[in-house]
Amino acid sequence: MENNKTDLQKENNTCFENDINEKSVLNEENKSKKTKINKKTGVIALILVVVACIVGVSSSIRANAYKAPIDSYFSAIQNSSGQDMQKAYGESMVSVVDNMFKIVGYYDTGNNTDIDTVFDEMVRSIRNEDIQKSVENIKIQYKIIDKHKLLKVDLDQYIENTKSRYGKSVEASEGYDVYIIKYYDDDKQTWEYKEIRVLKIDDKWVAVNDRDFDYFYRLIPVEMKPKFF
């Protein structure tokens, strides 16, 4: 009888231990599943943060892209660089100007042999007009104080003016009139106000000014001026 009780007790203990072991295994499995879920959640959260950062940086770059040609414009004047001015204008506008000079045969006059020399002379002219200092090396700094988004009617007018002046049209999809304060050699007492128009032409931002149109016009001898001027 006692042996039977002992055997029964052992069986009960064994069942209890097995039950505990099963519960322990289940708990471990649940913990493992939760850990995997937490890891997946963490990875997804990290990916979302990275994506948000990339989107934010990309948006910031796009929002400030219009400033690039302005940097090139002032760099051209500061460094007397026709190449930087061409960079400010962008390939499409440089091509339009170059095409106009070729049509009228301007390069055959000997004044300027190609578009590079035209822009070199243009930069020298701007320096002489803008910088009231007879120095070779000068540092130009500027600050954007405001900008005005151009309406479609403004863009259409620019396209029409370009065609009438150069005989060739461009497509401007977006633009700003940018209001700037510039000064020389860290001397803020020399500040001057300037307005630059930037346009998005062929998906690239360029800096253009009506005064530049007049400059190109003056280069061409009267007898050679095209009919579309």
Protein backbone atom coordinates (compact mmCIF):
# COMPACT_ATOMS: atom_id res chain seq x y z
CA MET A 1 0.00 0.00 0.00
CA GLU A 2 2.74 2.35 0.98
CA ASN A 3 4.58 1.47 -2.19
CA ASN A 4 1.53 2.37 -4.22
CA LYS A 5 1.28 5.75 -2.45
CA THR A 6 4.91 6.36 -3.11
CA ASP A 7 4.55 5.46 -6.77
CA LEU A 8 1.48 7.69 -7.06
CA GLN A 9 3.31 10.55 -5.42
CA LYS A 10 6.23 10.10 -7.80
CA GLU A 11 3.85 10.09 -10.76
CA ASN A 12 2.21 13.27 -9.47
CA ASN A 13 5.59 14.91 -8.96
CA THR A 14 6.67 13.86 -12.43
CA CYS A 15 3.49 15.25 -13.99
CA PHE A 16 3.95 18.47 -12.03
CA GLU A 17 7.56 18.77 -13.15
CA ASN A 18 6.58 18.03 -16.75
CA ASP A 19 3.87 20.67 -16.52
CA ILE A 20 6.40 23.18 -15.18
CA ASN A 21 8.87 22.27 -17.91
CA GLU A 22 6.19 22.65 -20.59
CA LYS A 23 5.21 26.02 -19.18
CA SER A 24 8.87 27.03 -19.04
CA VAL A 25 9.37 26.02 -22.66
CA LEU A 26 6.27 27.97 -23.67
CA ASN A 27 7.48 31.02 -21.75
CA GLU A 28 10.86 30.81 -23.47
CA GLU A 29 9.16 30.48 -26.85
CA ASN A 30 6.97 33.50 -26.07
CA LYS A 31 9.98 35.50 -24.93
CA SER A 32 11.82 34.54 -28.12
CA LYS A 33 8.84 35.58 -30.26
CA LYS A 34 8.53 38.89 -28.39
CA THR A 35 12.27 39.51 -28.79
CA LYS A 36 12.03 38.85 -32.53
CA ILE A 37 8.98 41.13 -32.80
CA ASN A 38 10.76 43.86 -30.84
CA LYS A 39 13.83 43.52 -33.06
CA LYS A 40 11.69 43.73 -36.21
CA THR A 41 9.83 46.73 -34.79
CA GLY A 42 13.14 48.38 -33.92
CA VAL A 43 14.53 47.76 -37.39
CA ILE A 44 11.38 49.12 -39.04
CA ALA A 45 11.45 52.20 -36.78
CA LEU A 46 15.12 52.77 -37.65
CA ILE A 47 14.37 52.45 -41.37
CA LEU A 48 11.51 54.96 -41.05
CA VAL A 49 13.79 57.42 -39.24
CA VAL A 50 16.47 57.07 -41.93
CA VAL A 51 13.90 57.51 -44.70
CA ALA A 52 12.47 60.59 -42.95
CA CYS A 53 15.98 62.06 -42.65
CA ILE A 54 16.71 61.41 -46.33
CA VAL A 55 13.39 62.96 -47.36
CA GLY A 56 14.04 65.94 -45.10
CA VAL A 57 17.56 66.50 -46.47
CA SER A 58 16.34 66.07 -50.06
CA SER A 59 13.54 68.58 -49.48
CA SER A 60 16.02 71.05 -47.99
CA ILE A 61 18.39 70.64 -50.93
CA ARG A 62 15.56 71.18 -53.41
CA ALA A 63 14.29 74.21 -51.49
CA ASN A 64 17.73 75.85 -51.59
CA ALA A 65 18.74 74.78 -55.09
CA TYR A 66 17.89 78.23 -56.49
CA LYS A 67 20.83 79.70 -54.54
CA ALA A 68 23.50 77.78 -56.52
CA PRO A 69 23.50 80.06 -59.62
CA ILE A 70 23.62 83.12 -57.33
CA ASP A 71 26.79 81.72 -55.75
CA SER A 72 28.24 81.22 -59.24
CA TYR A 73 27.23 84.76 -60.27
CA PHE A 74 29.08 86.44 -57.41
CA SER A 75 32.00 84.01 -57.71
CA ALA A 76 32.32 85.05 -61.36
CA ILE A 77 32.58 88.73 -60.44
CA GLN A 78 34.87 88.13 -57.49
CA ASN A 79 37.28 85.93 -59.43
CA SER A 80 36.88 87.58 -62.85
CA SER A 81 35.75 84.21 -64.18
CA GLY A 82 33.73 83.98 -67.38
CA GLN A 83 33.40 80.24 -66.80
CA ASP A 84 31.68 80.83 -63.45
CA MET A 85 29.32 83.28 -65.15
CA GLN A 86 28.46 80.65 -67.75
CA LYS A 87 27.78 78.27 -64.88
CA ALA A 88 25.41 80.85 -63.38
CA TYR A 89 23.63 81.21 -66.73
CA GLY A 90 23.34 77.48 -67.31
CA GLU A 91 23.95 75.54 -70.50
CA SER A 92 20.58 76.35 -72.06
CA MET A 93 20.92 80.14 -71.78
CA VAL A 94 24.59 80.10 -72.81
CA SER A 95 23.56 78.11 -75.89
CA VAL A 96 20.83 80.65 -76.71
CA VAL A 97 23.29 83.57 -76.48
CA ASP A 98 25.96 81.71 -78.45
CA ASN A 99 23.44 80.83 -81.15
CA MET A 100 22.44 84.47 -81.51
CA PHE A 101 26.05 85.64 -81.96
CA LYS A 102 26.63 82.93 -84.55
CA ILE A 103 23.51 83.90 -86.52
CA VAL A 104 24.59 87.54 -86.91
CA GLY A 105 28.24 86.59 -87.59
CA TYR A 106 29.50 88.48 -84.54
CA TYR A 107 32.47 86.16 -83.98
CA ASP A 108 33.78 87.07 -87.43
CA THR A 109 34.22 90.71 -86.41
CA GLY A 110 37.31 89.87 -84.36
CA ASN A 111 36.00 91.56 -81.19
CA ASN A 112 35.34 88.22 -79.49
CA THR A 113 36.17 84.90 -81.08
CA ASP A 114 33.76 82.65 -79.17
CA ILE A 115 31.26 82.52 -76.33
CA ASP A 116 34.04 82.09 -73.74
CA THR A 117 35.62 85.44 -74.63
CA VAL A 118 32.16 87.06 -74.62
CA PHE A 119 31.55 86.01 -71.04
CA ASP A 120 35.10 86.94 -69.99
CA GLU A 121 34.53 90.46 -71.29
CA MET A 122 31.07 90.54 -69.72
CA VAL A 123 32.52 89.81 -66.27
CA ARG A 124 35.16 92.52 -66.67
CA SER A 125 32.42 94.98 -67.58
CA ILE A 126 30.32 94.07 -64.53
CA ARG A 127 33.34 94.40 -62.24
CA ASN A 128 34.09 97.86 -63.60
CA GLU A 129 30.48 98.95 -63.06
CA ASP A 130 29.73 97.23 -59.76
CA ILE A 131 32.95 97.38 -57.80
CA GLN A 132 33.95 100.90 -56.88
CA LYS A 133 37.46 99.79 -55.98
CA SER A 134 40.50 99.55 -58.20
CA VAL A 135 41.73 96.22 -56.85
CA GLU A 136 42.40 92.82 -58.34
CA ASN A 137 41.56 90.70 -55.31
CA ILE A 138 38.29 91.38 -53.56
CA LYS A 139 35.96 89.25 -51.49
CA ILE A 140 32.25 89.54 -52.18
CA GLN A 141 29.78 88.42 -49.55
CA TYR A 142 26.01 88.53 -49.80
CA LYS A 143 22.89 87.81 -47.82
CA ILE A 144 19.46 86.95 -49.20
CA ILE A 145 16.90 89.12 -47.42
CA ASP A 146 13.78 88.08 -49.32
CA LYS A 147 12.48 86.44 -52.47
CA HIS A 148 9.33 86.75 -54.54
CA LYS A 149 7.92 83.75 -56.41
CA LEU A 150 7.23 84.54 -60.04
CA LEU A 151 3.74 84.00 -61.40
CA LYS A 152 3.07 82.11 -64.62
CA VAL A 153 2.47 85.42 -66.39
CA ASP A 154 5.98 86.53 -65.36
CA LEU A 155 7.52 83.31 -66.68
CA ASP A 156 5.59 83.59 -69.94
CA GLN A 157 6.79 87.18 -70.35
CA TYR A 158 10.40 86.11 -69.85
CA ILE A 159 10.02 83.37 -72.45
CA GLU A 160 8.52 85.87 -74.90
CA ASN A 161 11.29 88.42 -74.22
CA THR A 162 13.99 85.79 -74.72
CA LYS A 163 12.55 84.80 -78.09
CA SER A 164 12.23 88.42 -79.23
CA ARG A 165 15.76 89.28 -78.11
CA TYR A 166 17.64 86.14 -79.08
CA GLY A 167 15.46 84.56 -81.73
CA LYS A 168 15.21 81.40 -79.68
CA SER A 169 12.88 80.44 -76.86
CA VAL A 170 13.48 78.64 -73.57
CA GLU A 171 11.04 77.02 -71.16
CA ALA A 172 11.03 78.40 -67.61
CA SER A 173 8.97 76.29 -65.20
CA GLU A 174 9.65 78.18 -61.96
CA GLY A 175 11.37 81.33 -60.79
CA TYR A 176 12.07 83.93 -58.10
CA ASP A 177 13.09 87.54 -57.89
CA VAL A 178 15.72 87.36 -55.15
CA TYR A 179 16.52 90.45 -53.06
CA ILE A 180 20.10 90.60 -51.84
CA ILE A 181 22.46 92.74 -49.79
CA LYS A 182 26.10 92.41 -50.86
CA TYR A 183 29.29 93.88 -49.45
CA TYR A 184 33.04 93.68 -49.99
CA ASP A 185 35.98 92.45 -47.91
CA ASP A 186 33.94 91.87 -44.73
CA ASP A 187 33.18 95.61 -44.64
CA LYS A 188 29.44 95.80 -44.09
CA GLN A 189 29.59 99.58 -44.48
CA THR A 190 30.06 98.99 -48.21
CA TRP A 191 26.74 97.14 -48.54
CA GLU A 192 24.73 97.49 -51.71
CA TYR A 193 21.25 96.32 -52.62
CA LYS A 194 20.86 94.00 -55.61
CA GLU A 195 18.06 92.03 -57.22
CA ILE A 196 18.74 88.84 -59.17
CA ARG A 197 16.20 86.79 -61.05
CA VAL A 198 16.61 83.03 -60.91
CA LEU A 199 14.72 80.70 -63.21
CA LYS A 200 14.37 76.95 -63.53
CA ILE A 201 15.15 76.23 -67.18
CA ASP A 202 15.36 72.64 -68.42
CA ASP A 203 15.09 71.53 -64.78
CA LYS A 204 18.20 73.55 -63.77
CA TRP A 205 18.33 76.81 -61.85
CA VAL A 206 20.01 79.76 -63.59
CA ALA A 207 20.61 83.42 -62.71
CA VAL A 208 19.65 86.04 -65.29
CA ASN A 209 19.34 89.83 -65.37
CA ASP A 210 17.77 92.24 -67.83
CA ARG A 211 20.96 94.29 -67.73
CA ASP A 212 22.78 91.30 -69.19
CA PHE A 213 20.43 91.35 -72.19
CA ASP A 214 21.38 94.99 -72.77
CA TYR A 215 25.06 94.11 -72.48
CA PHE A 216 24.86 91.46 -75.20
CA TYR A 217 22.85 93.86 -77.35
CA ARG A 218 25.52 96.58 -77.08
CA LEU A 219 28.24 94.17 -78.20
CA ILE A 220 26.74 93.76 -81.67
CA PRO A 221 27.49 96.50 -84.23
CA VAL A 222 24.40 98.41 -85.39
CA GLU A 223 24.60 97.09 -88.93
CA MET A 224 24.69 93.51 -87.62
CA LYS A 225 21.86 93.67 -85.10
CA PRO A 226 19.35 90.90 -85.88
CA LYS A 227 15.78 91.69 -86.84
CA PHE A 228 14.43 90.07 -83.68
CA PHE A 229 16.12 92.67 -81.47
